[in-house]
Amino acid sequence: HVSSCRRVLVRPVNGVYASDHYGL
């Protein structure tokens, strides 16, 4: 059962994005 699903890494940390796409 999927209780929740969310996008992650959508905001930069110290001005740096983790990737050119967000994760789940």
mmCIF file of all heavy atoms, coordinates in Angstrom:
data_MODEL
# 
_entry.id   MODEL 
# 
loop_
_atom_site.group_PDB 
_atom_site.id 
_atom_site.type_symbol 
_atom_site.label_atom_id 
_atom_site.label_alt_id 
_atom_site.label_comp_id 
_atom_site.label_asym_id 
_atom_site.label_entity_id 
_atom_site.label_seq_id 
_atom_site.pdbx_PDB_ins_code 
_atom_site.Cartn_x 
_atom_site.Cartn_y 
_atom_site.Cartn_z 
_atom_site.occupancy 
_atom_site.B_iso_or_equiv 
_atom_site.pdbx_formal_charge 
_atom_site.auth_seq_id 
_atom_site.auth_comp_id 
_atom_site.auth_asym_id 
_atom_site.auth_atom_id 
_atom_site.pdbx_PDB_model_num 
ATOM 1   N N   . HIS A 1 1  ? 0.856  -1.179 0.000   1.00 0.00 ? 1  HIS A N   1 
ATOM 2   C CA  . HIS A 1 1  ? 0.000  0.000  0.000   1.00 0.00 ? 1  HIS A CA  1 
ATOM 3   C C   . HIS A 1 1  ? 0.898  1.237  0.000   1.00 0.00 ? 1  HIS A C   1 
ATOM 4   O O   . HIS A 1 1  ? 1.862  1.311  0.770   1.00 0.00 ? 1  HIS A O   1 
ATOM 5   C CB  . HIS A 1 1  ? -0.900 -0.005 1.241   1.00 0.00 ? 1  HIS A CB  1 
ATOM 6   C CG  . HIS A 1 1  ? -1.673 1.254  1.412   1.00 0.00 ? 1  HIS A CG  1 
ATOM 7   N ND1 . HIS A 1 1  ? -2.767 1.560  0.635   1.00 0.00 ? 1  HIS A ND1 1 
ATOM 8   C CD2 . HIS A 1 1  ? -1.492 2.294  2.248   1.00 0.00 ? 1  HIS A CD2 1 
ATOM 9   C CE1 . HIS A 1 1  ? -3.236 2.742  1.002   1.00 0.00 ? 1  HIS A CE1 1 
ATOM 10  N NE2 . HIS A 1 1  ? -2.486 3.207  1.977   1.00 0.00 ? 1  HIS A NE2 1 
ATOM 11  N N   . VAL A 1 2  ? 0.587  2.212  -0.835  1.00 0.00 ? 2  VAL A N   1 
ATOM 12  C CA  . VAL A 1 2  ? 1.341  3.468  -0.878  1.00 0.00 ? 2  VAL A CA  1 
ATOM 13  C C   . VAL A 1 2  ? 0.685  4.436  0.096   1.00 0.00 ? 2  VAL A C   1 
ATOM 14  O O   . VAL A 1 2  ? -0.421 4.909  -0.141  1.00 0.00 ? 2  VAL A O   1 
ATOM 15  C CB  . VAL A 1 2  ? 1.369  4.065  -2.299  1.00 0.00 ? 2  VAL A CB  1 
ATOM 16  C CG1 . VAL A 1 2  ? 2.230  5.323  -2.319  1.00 0.00 ? 2  VAL A CG1 1 
ATOM 17  C CG2 . VAL A 1 2  ? 1.875  3.062  -3.318  1.00 0.00 ? 2  VAL A CG2 1 
ATOM 18  N N   . SER A 1 3  ? 1.354  4.711  1.214   1.00 0.00 ? 3  SER A N   1 
ATOM 19  C CA  . SER A 1 3  ? 0.820  5.639  2.224   1.00 0.00 ? 3  SER A CA  1 
ATOM 20  C C   . SER A 1 3  ? 1.013  7.090  1.796   1.00 0.00 ? 3  SER A C   1 
ATOM 21  O O   . SER A 1 3  ? 0.160  7.936  2.032   1.00 0.00 ? 3  SER A O   1 
ATOM 22  C CB  . SER A 1 3  ? 1.522  5.437  3.568   1.00 0.00 ? 3  SER A CB  1 
ATOM 23  O OG  . SER A 1 3  ? 1.443  4.105  3.984   1.00 0.00 ? 3  SER A OG  1 
ATOM 24  N N   . SER A 1 4  ? 2.168  7.362  1.187   1.00 0.00 ? 4  SER A N   1 
ATOM 25  C CA  . SER A 1 4  ? 2.451  8.709  0.698   1.00 0.00 ? 4  SER A CA  1 
ATOM 26  C C   . SER A 1 4  ? 3.512  8.623  -0.384  1.00 0.00 ? 4  SER A C   1 
ATOM 27  O O   . SER A 1 4  ? 4.264  7.649  -0.463  1.00 0.00 ? 4  SER A O   1 
ATOM 28  C CB  . SER A 1 4  ? 2.932  9.622  1.836   1.00 0.00 ? 4  SER A CB  1 
ATOM 29  O OG  . SER A 1 4  ? 4.210  9.246  2.275   1.00 0.00 ? 4  SER A OG  1 
ATOM 30  N N   . CYS A 1 5  ? 3.545  9.648  -1.207  1.00 0.00 ? 5  CYS A N   1 
ATOM 31  C CA  . CYS A 1 5  ? 4.568  9.765  -2.244  1.00 0.00 ? 5  CYS A CA  1 
ATOM 32  C C   . CYS A 1 5  ? 4.794  11.255 -2.455  1.00 0.00 ? 5  CYS A C   1 
ATOM 33  O O   . CYS A 1 5  ? 3.836  12.026 -2.573  1.00 0.00 ? 5  CYS A O   1 
ATOM 34  C CB  . CYS A 1 5  ? 4.129  9.085  -3.539  1.00 0.00 ? 5  CYS A CB  1 
ATOM 35  S SG  . CYS A 1 5  ? 5.453  8.986  -4.772  1.00 0.00 ? 5  CYS A SG  1 
ATOM 36  N N   . ARG A 1 6  ? 6.042  11.652 -2.459  1.00 0.00 ? 6  ARG A N   1 
ATOM 37  C CA  . ARG A 1 6  ? 6.355  13.073 -2.573  1.00 0.00 ? 6  ARG A CA  1 
ATOM 38  C C   . ARG A 1 6  ? 7.622  13.282 -3.396  1.00 0.00 ? 6  ARG A C   1 
ATOM 39  O O   . ARG A 1 6  ? 8.468  12.402 -3.467  1.00 0.00 ? 6  ARG A O   1 
ATOM 40  C CB  . ARG A 1 6  ? 6.514  13.680 -1.184  1.00 0.00 ? 6  ARG A CB  1 
ATOM 41  C CG  . ARG A 1 6  ? 7.649  13.079 -0.388  1.00 0.00 ? 6  ARG A CG  1 
ATOM 42  C CD  . ARG A 1 6  ? 7.430  13.191 1.119   1.00 0.00 ? 6  ARG A CD  1 
ATOM 43  N NE  . ARG A 1 6  ? 8.365  12.362 1.842   1.00 0.00 ? 6  ARG A NE  1 
ATOM 44  C CZ  . ARG A 1 6  ? 8.249  11.054 2.028   1.00 0.00 ? 6  ARG A CZ  1 
ATOM 45  N NH1 . ARG A 1 6  ? 7.236  10.391 1.534   1.00 0.00 ? 6  ARG A NH1 1 
ATOM 46  N NH2 . ARG A 1 6  ? 9.150  10.385 2.710   1.00 0.00 ? 6  ARG A NH2 1 
ATOM 47  N N   . ARG A 1 7  ? 7.702  14.486 -3.981  1.00 0.00 ? 7  ARG A N   1 
ATOM 48  C CA  . ARG A 1 7  ? 8.924  14.867 -4.680  1.00 0.00 ? 7  ARG A CA  1 
ATOM 49  C C   . ARG A 1 7  ? 9.960  15.286 -3.641  1.00 0.00 ? 7  ARG A C   1 
ATOM 50  O O   . ARG A 1 7  ? 9.622  15.908 -2.646  1.00 0.00 ? 7  ARG A O   1 
ATOM 51  C CB  . ARG A 1 7  ? 8.657  16.012 -5.650  1.00 0.00 ? 7  ARG A CB  1 
ATOM 52  C CG  . ARG A 1 7  ? 7.752  15.607 -6.794  1.00 0.00 ? 7  ARG A CG  1 
ATOM 53  C CD  . ARG A 1 7  ? 7.569  16.699 -7.804  1.00 0.00 ? 7  ARG A CD  1 
ATOM 54  N NE  . ARG A 1 7  ? 7.180  17.947 -7.169  1.00 0.00 ? 7  ARG A NE  1 
ATOM 55  C CZ  . ARG A 1 7  ? 7.307  19.133 -7.733  1.00 0.00 ? 7  ARG A CZ  1 
ATOM 56  N NH1 . ARG A 1 7  ? 7.787  19.253 -8.941  1.00 0.00 ? 7  ARG A NH1 1 
ATOM 57  N NH2 . ARG A 1 7  ? 6.938  20.221 -7.099  1.00 0.00 ? 7  ARG A NH2 1 
ATOM 58  N N   . VAL A 1 8  ? 11.214 14.932 -3.882  1.00 0.00 ? 8  VAL A N   1 
ATOM 59  C CA  . VAL A 1 8  ? 12.293 15.299 -2.964  1.00 0.00 ? 8  VAL A CA  1 
ATOM 60  C C   . VAL A 1 8  ? 13.404 16.005 -3.743  1.00 0.00 ? 8  VAL A C   1 
ATOM 61  O O   . VAL A 1 8  ? 13.460 15.925 -4.972  1.00 0.00 ? 8  VAL A O   1 
ATOM 62  C CB  . VAL A 1 8  ? 12.855 14.064 -2.222  1.00 0.00 ? 8  VAL A CB  1 
ATOM 63  C CG1 . VAL A 1 8  ? 11.800 13.461 -1.308  1.00 0.00 ? 8  VAL A CG1 1 
ATOM 64  C CG2 . VAL A 1 8  ? 13.384 13.019 -3.176  1.00 0.00 ? 8  VAL A CG2 1 
ATOM 65  N N   . LEU A 1 9  ? 14.250 16.689 -3.018  1.00 0.00 ? 9  LEU A N   1 
ATOM 66  C CA  . LEU A 1 9  ? 15.376 17.440 -3.593  1.00 0.00 ? 9  LEU A CA  1 
ATOM 67  C C   . LEU A 1 9  ? 14.892 18.542 -4.530  1.00 0.00 ? 9  LEU A C   1 
ATOM 68  O O   . LEU A 1 9  ? 15.504 18.828 -5.552  1.00 0.00 ? 9  LEU A O   1 
ATOM 69  C CB  . LEU A 1 9  ? 16.346 16.501 -4.321  1.00 0.00 ? 9  LEU A CB  1 
ATOM 70  C CG  . LEU A 1 9  ? 16.861 15.326 -3.495  1.00 0.00 ? 9  LEU A CG  1 
ATOM 71  C CD1 . LEU A 1 9  ? 17.645 14.357 -4.371  1.00 0.00 ? 9  LEU A CD1 1 
ATOM 72  C CD2 . LEU A 1 9  ? 17.695 15.813 -2.322  1.00 0.00 ? 9  LEU A CD2 1 
ATOM 73  N N   . VAL A 1 10 ? 13.761 19.186 -4.161  1.00 0.00 ? 10 VAL A N   1 
ATOM 74  C CA  . VAL A 1 10 ? 13.188 20.235 -5.005  1.00 0.00 ? 10 VAL A CA  1 
ATOM 75  C C   . VAL A 1 10 ? 13.723 21.622 -4.666  1.00 0.00 ? 10 VAL A C   1 
ATOM 76  O O   . VAL A 1 10 ? 13.488 22.557 -5.416  1.00 0.00 ? 10 VAL A O   1 
ATOM 77  C CB  . VAL A 1 10 ? 11.640 20.239 -4.933  1.00 0.00 ? 10 VAL A CB  1 
ATOM 78  C CG1 . VAL A 1 10 ? 11.077 18.952 -5.474  1.00 0.00 ? 10 VAL A CG1 1 
ATOM 79  C CG2 . VAL A 1 10 ? 11.144 20.491 -3.521  1.00 0.00 ? 10 VAL A CG2 1 
ATOM 80  N N   . ARG A 1 11 ? 14.435 21.737 -3.567  1.00 0.00 ? 11 ARG A N   1 
ATOM 81  C CA  . ARG A 1 11 ? 15.010 23.027 -3.180  1.00 0.00 ? 11 ARG A CA  1 
ATOM 82  C C   . ARG A 1 11 ? 16.530 22.888 -3.058  1.00 0.00 ? 11 ARG A C   1 
ATOM 83  O O   . ARG A 1 11 ? 17.043 21.854 -2.686  1.00 0.00 ? 11 ARG A O   1 
ATOM 84  C CB  . ARG A 1 11 ? 14.436 23.467 -1.840  1.00 0.00 ? 11 ARG A CB  1 
ATOM 85  C CG  . ARG A 1 11 ? 12.934 23.663 -1.860  1.00 0.00 ? 11 ARG A CG  1 
ATOM 86  C CD  . ARG A 1 11 ? 12.463 24.402 -0.643  1.00 0.00 ? 11 ARG A CD  1 
ATOM 87  N NE  . ARG A 1 11 ? 11.058 24.452 -0.357  1.00 0.00 ? 11 ARG A NE  1 
ATOM 88  C CZ  . ARG A 1 11 ? 10.044 24.537 -1.179  1.00 0.00 ? 11 ARG A CZ  1 
ATOM 89  N NH1 . ARG A 1 11 ? 10.250 24.538 -2.450  1.00 0.00 ? 11 ARG A NH1 1 
ATOM 90  N NH2 . ARG A 1 11 ? 8.801  24.604 -0.777  1.00 0.00 ? 11 ARG A NH2 1 
ATOM 91  N N   . PRO A 1 12 ? 17.225 23.972 -3.336  1.00 0.00 ? 12 PRO A N   1 
ATOM 92  C CA  . PRO A 1 12 ? 18.689 23.914 -3.212  1.00 0.00 ? 12 PRO A CA  1 
ATOM 93  C C   . PRO A 1 12 ? 19.119 23.900 -1.748  1.00 0.00 ? 12 PRO A C   1 
ATOM 94  O O   . PRO A 1 12 ? 18.403 24.370 -0.870  1.00 0.00 ? 12 PRO A O   1 
ATOM 95  C CB  . PRO A 1 12 ? 19.146 25.202 -3.901  1.00 0.00 ? 12 PRO A CB  1 
ATOM 96  C CG  . PRO A 1 12 ? 18.006 26.144 -3.709  1.00 0.00 ? 12 PRO A CG  1 
ATOM 97  C CD  . PRO A 1 12 ? 16.767 25.291 -3.778  1.00 0.00 ? 12 PRO A CD  1 
ATOM 98  N N   . VAL A 1 13 ? 20.288 23.350 -1.512  1.00 0.00 ? 13 VAL A N   1 
ATOM 99  C CA  . VAL A 1 13 ? 20.930 23.403 -0.202  1.00 0.00 ? 13 VAL A CA  1 
ATOM 100 C C   . VAL A 1 13 ? 22.182 24.262 -0.372  1.00 0.00 ? 13 VAL A C   1 
ATOM 101 O O   . VAL A 1 13 ? 23.031 23.952 -1.215  1.00 0.00 ? 13 VAL A O   1 
ATOM 102 C CB  . VAL A 1 13 ? 21.295 21.983 0.293   1.00 0.00 ? 13 VAL A CB  1 
ATOM 103 C CG1 . VAL A 1 13 ? 22.089 22.063 1.595   1.00 0.00 ? 13 VAL A CG1 1 
ATOM 104 C CG2 . VAL A 1 13 ? 20.051 21.136 0.466   1.00 0.00 ? 13 VAL A CG2 1 
ATOM 105 N N   . ASN A 1 14 ? 22.234 25.340 0.358   1.00 0.00 ? 14 ASN A N   1 
ATOM 106 C CA  . ASN A 1 14 ? 23.341 26.304 0.220   1.00 0.00 ? 14 ASN A CA  1 
ATOM 107 C C   . ASN A 1 14 ? 23.510 26.748 -1.229  1.00 0.00 ? 14 ASN A C   1 
ATOM 108 O O   . ASN A 1 14 ? 24.630 26.869 -1.737  1.00 0.00 ? 14 ASN A O   1 
ATOM 109 C CB  . ASN A 1 14 ? 24.652 25.719 0.765   1.00 0.00 ? 14 ASN A CB  1 
ATOM 110 C CG  . ASN A 1 14 ? 24.587 25.435 2.250   1.00 0.00 ? 14 ASN A CG  1 
ATOM 111 O OD1 . ASN A 1 14 ? 23.966 26.185 3.000   1.00 0.00 ? 14 ASN A OD1 1 
ATOM 112 N ND2 . ASN A 1 14 ? 25.202 24.357 2.666   1.00 0.00 ? 14 ASN A ND2 1 
ATOM 113 N N   . GLY A 1 15 ? 22.373 26.940 -1.924  1.00 0.00 ? 15 GLY A N   1 
ATOM 114 C CA  . GLY A 1 15 ? 22.386 27.424 -3.297  1.00 0.00 ? 15 GLY A CA  1 
ATOM 115 C C   . GLY A 1 15 ? 22.678 26.373 -4.352  1.00 0.00 ? 15 GLY A C   1 
ATOM 116 O O   . GLY A 1 15 ? 22.781 26.694 -5.532  1.00 0.00 ? 15 GLY A O   1 
ATOM 117 N N   . VAL A 1 16 ? 22.815 25.111 -3.954  1.00 0.00 ? 16 VAL A N   1 
ATOM 118 C CA  . VAL A 1 16 ? 23.172 24.048 -4.900  1.00 0.00 ? 16 VAL A CA  1 
ATOM 119 C C   . VAL A 1 16 ? 22.025 23.044 -5.011  1.00 0.00 ? 16 VAL A C   1 
ATOM 120 O O   . VAL A 1 16 ? 21.553 22.513 -4.009  1.00 0.00 ? 16 VAL A O   1 
ATOM 121 C CB  . VAL A 1 16 ? 24.464 23.312 -4.441  1.00 0.00 ? 16 VAL A CB  1 
ATOM 122 C CG1 . VAL A 1 16 ? 24.799 22.174 -5.382  1.00 0.00 ? 16 VAL A CG1 1 
ATOM 123 C CG2 . VAL A 1 16 ? 25.618 24.293 -4.331  1.00 0.00 ? 16 VAL A CG2 1 
ATOM 124 N N   . TYR A 1 17 ? 21.587 22.793 -6.255  1.00 0.00 ? 17 TYR A N   1 
ATOM 125 C CA  . TYR A 1 17 ? 20.579 21.756 -6.516  1.00 0.00 ? 17 TYR A CA  1 
ATOM 126 C C   . TYR A 1 17 ? 21.277 20.407 -6.647  1.00 0.00 ? 17 TYR A C   1 
ATOM 127 O O   . TYR A 1 17 ? 22.377 20.313 -7.201  1.00 0.00 ? 17 TYR A O   1 
ATOM 128 C CB  . TYR A 1 17 ? 19.812 22.059 -7.810  1.00 0.00 ? 17 TYR A CB  1 
ATOM 129 C CG  . TYR A 1 17 ? 18.726 23.088 -7.621  1.00 0.00 ? 17 TYR A CG  1 
ATOM 130 C CD1 . TYR A 1 17 ? 19.015 24.449 -7.659  1.00 0.00 ? 17 TYR A CD1 1 
ATOM 131 C CD2 . TYR A 1 17 ? 17.416 22.697 -7.393  1.00 0.00 ? 17 TYR A CD2 1 
ATOM 132 C CE1 . TYR A 1 17 ? 18.024 25.393 -7.468  1.00 0.00 ? 17 TYR A CE1 1 
ATOM 133 C CE2 . TYR A 1 17 ? 16.420 23.637 -7.210  1.00 0.00 ? 17 TYR A CE2 1 
ATOM 134 C CZ  . TYR A 1 17 ? 16.726 24.983 -7.246  1.00 0.00 ? 17 TYR A CZ  1 
ATOM 135 O OH  . TYR A 1 17 ? 15.742 25.903 -7.057  1.00 0.00 ? 17 TYR A OH  1 
ATOM 136 N N   . ALA A 1 18 ? 20.634 19.357 -6.160  1.00 0.00 ? 18 ALA A N   1 
ATOM 137 C CA  . ALA A 1 18 ? 21.227 18.022 -6.188  1.00 0.00 ? 18 ALA A CA  1 
ATOM 138 C C   . ALA A 1 18 ? 21.345 17.469 -7.602  1.00 0.00 ? 18 ALA A C   1 
ATOM 139 O O   . ALA A 1 18 ? 22.255 16.704 -7.900  1.00 0.00 ? 18 ALA A O   1 
ATOM 140 C CB  . ALA A 1 18 ? 20.402 17.059 -5.331  1.00 0.00 ? 18 ALA A CB  1 
ATOM 141 N N   . SER A 1 19 ? 20.409 17.834 -8.473  1.00 0.00 ? 19 SER A N   1 
ATOM 142 C CA  . SER A 1 19 ? 20.366 17.250 -9.812  1.00 0.00 ? 19 SER A CA  1 
ATOM 143 C C   . SER A 1 19 ? 19.539 18.150 -10.711 1.00 0.00 ? 19 SER A C   1 
ATOM 144 O O   . SER A 1 19 ? 18.887 19.087 -10.253 1.00 0.00 ? 19 SER A O   1 
ATOM 145 C CB  . SER A 1 19 ? 19.722 15.852 -9.719  1.00 0.00 ? 19 SER A CB  1 
ATOM 146 O OG  . SER A 1 19 ? 19.553 15.299 -11.004 1.00 0.00 ? 19 SER A OG  1 
ATOM 147 N N   . ASP A 1 20 ? 19.528 17.839 -11.996 1.00 0.00 ? 20 ASP A N   1 
ATOM 148 C CA  . ASP A 1 20 ? 18.674 18.581 -12.916 1.00 0.00 ? 20 ASP A CA  1 
ATOM 149 C C   . ASP A 1 20 ? 17.244 18.036 -12.910 1.00 0.00 ? 20 ASP A C   1 
ATOM 150 O O   . ASP A 1 20 ? 16.389 18.531 -13.638 1.00 0.00 ? 20 ASP A O   1 
ATOM 151 C CB  . ASP A 1 20 ? 19.245 18.587 -14.337 1.00 0.00 ? 20 ASP A CB  1 
ATOM 152 C CG  . ASP A 1 20 ? 19.304 17.208 -14.967 1.00 0.00 ? 20 ASP A CG  1 
ATOM 153 O OD1 . ASP A 1 20 ? 19.116 16.205 -14.247 1.00 0.00 ? 20 ASP A OD1 1 
ATOM 154 O OD2 . ASP A 1 20 ? 19.544 17.134 -16.179 1.00 0.00 ? 20 ASP A OD2 1 
ATOM 155 N N   . HIS A 1 21 ? 16.997 17.038 -12.095 1.00 0.00 ? 21 HIS A N   1 
ATOM 156 C CA  . HIS A 1 21 ? 15.620 16.576 -11.906 1.00 0.00 ? 21 HIS A CA  1 
ATOM 157 C C   . HIS A 1 21 ? 15.420 16.230 -10.442 1.00 0.00 ? 21 HIS A C   1 
ATOM 158 O O   . HIS A 1 21 ? 16.377 16.018 -9.703  1.00 0.00 ? 21 HIS A O   1 
ATOM 159 C CB  . HIS A 1 21 ? 15.267 15.394 -12.825 1.00 0.00 ? 21 HIS A CB  1 
ATOM 160 C CG  . HIS A 1 21 ? 16.135 14.197 -12.681 1.00 0.00 ? 21 HIS A CG  1 
ATOM 161 N ND1 . HIS A 1 21 ? 15.769 13.088 -11.952 1.00 0.00 ? 21 HIS A ND1 1 
ATOM 162 C CD2 . HIS A 1 21 ? 17.375 13.940 -13.159 1.00 0.00 ? 21 HIS A CD2 1 
ATOM 163 C CE1 . HIS A 1 21 ? 16.736 12.189 -12.011 1.00 0.00 ? 21 HIS A CE1 1 
ATOM 164 N NE2 . HIS A 1 21 ? 17.724 12.686 -12.729 1.00 0.00 ? 21 HIS A NE2 1 
ATOM 165 N N   . TYR A 1 22 ? 14.163 16.258 -10.028 1.00 0.00 ? 22 TYR A N   1 
ATOM 166 C CA  . TYR A 1 22 ? 13.816 15.973 -8.645  1.00 0.00 ? 22 TYR A CA  1 
ATOM 167 C C   . TYR A 1 22 ? 13.622 14.473 -8.478  1.00 0.00 ? 22 TYR A C   1 
ATOM 168 O O   . TYR A 1 22 ? 13.383 13.760 -9.437  1.00 0.00 ? 22 TYR A O   1 
ATOM 169 C CB  . TYR A 1 22 ? 12.541 16.711 -8.254  1.00 0.00 ? 22 TYR A CB  1 
ATOM 170 C CG  . TYR A 1 22 ? 12.540 18.174 -8.635  1.00 0.00 ? 22 TYR A CG  1 
ATOM 171 C CD1 . TYR A 1 22 ? 11.479 18.744 -9.318  1.00 0.00 ? 22 TYR A CD1 1 
ATOM 172 C CD2 . TYR A 1 22 ? 13.617 19.002 -8.311  1.00 0.00 ? 22 TYR A CD2 1 
ATOM 173 C CE1 . TYR A 1 22 ? 11.479 20.089 -9.663  1.00 0.00 ? 22 TYR A CE1 1 
ATOM 174 C CE2 . TYR A 1 22 ? 13.623 20.345 -8.655  1.00 0.00 ? 22 TYR A CE2 1 
ATOM 175 C CZ  . TYR A 1 22 ? 12.550 20.884 -9.335  1.00 0.00 ? 22 TYR A CZ  1 
ATOM 176 O OH  . TYR A 1 22 ? 12.554 22.208 -9.676  1.00 0.00 ? 22 TYR A OH  1 
ATOM 177 N N   . GLY A 1 23 ? 13.729 14.010 -7.268  1.00 0.00 ? 23 GLY A N   1 
ATOM 178 C CA  . GLY A 1 23 ? 13.503 12.606 -6.990  1.00 0.00 ? 23 GLY A CA  1 
ATOM 179 C C   . GLY A 1 23 ? 12.124 12.371 -6.403  1.00 0.00 ? 23 GLY A C   1 
ATOM 180 O O   . GLY A 1 23 ? 11.359 13.308 -6.174  1.00 0.00 ? 23 GLY A O   1 
ATOM 181 N N   . LEU A 1 24 ? 11.820 11.119 -6.164  1.00 0.00 ? 24 LEU A N   1 
ATOM 182 C CA  . LEU A 1 24 ? 10.576 10.732 -5.498  1.00 0.00 ? 24 LEU A CA  1 
ATOM 183 C C   . LEU A 1 24 ? 10.918 9.878  -4.292  1.00 0.00 ? 24 LEU A C   1 
ATOM 184 O O   . LEU A 1 24 ? 11.887 9.113  -4.307  1.00 0.00 ? 24 LEU A O   1 
ATOM 185 C CB  . LEU A 1 24 ? 9.681  9.912  -6.433  1.00 0.00 ? 24 LEU A CB  1 
ATOM 186 C CG  . LEU A 1 24 ? 9.038  10.621 -7.598  1.00 0.00 ? 24 LEU A CG  1 
ATOM 187 C CD1 . LEU A 1 24 ? 8.272  9.623  -8.458  1.00 0.00 ? 24 LEU A CD1 1 
ATOM 188 C CD2 . LEU A 1 24 ? 8.103  11.711 -7.116  1.00 0.00 ? 24 LEU A CD2 1 
# 
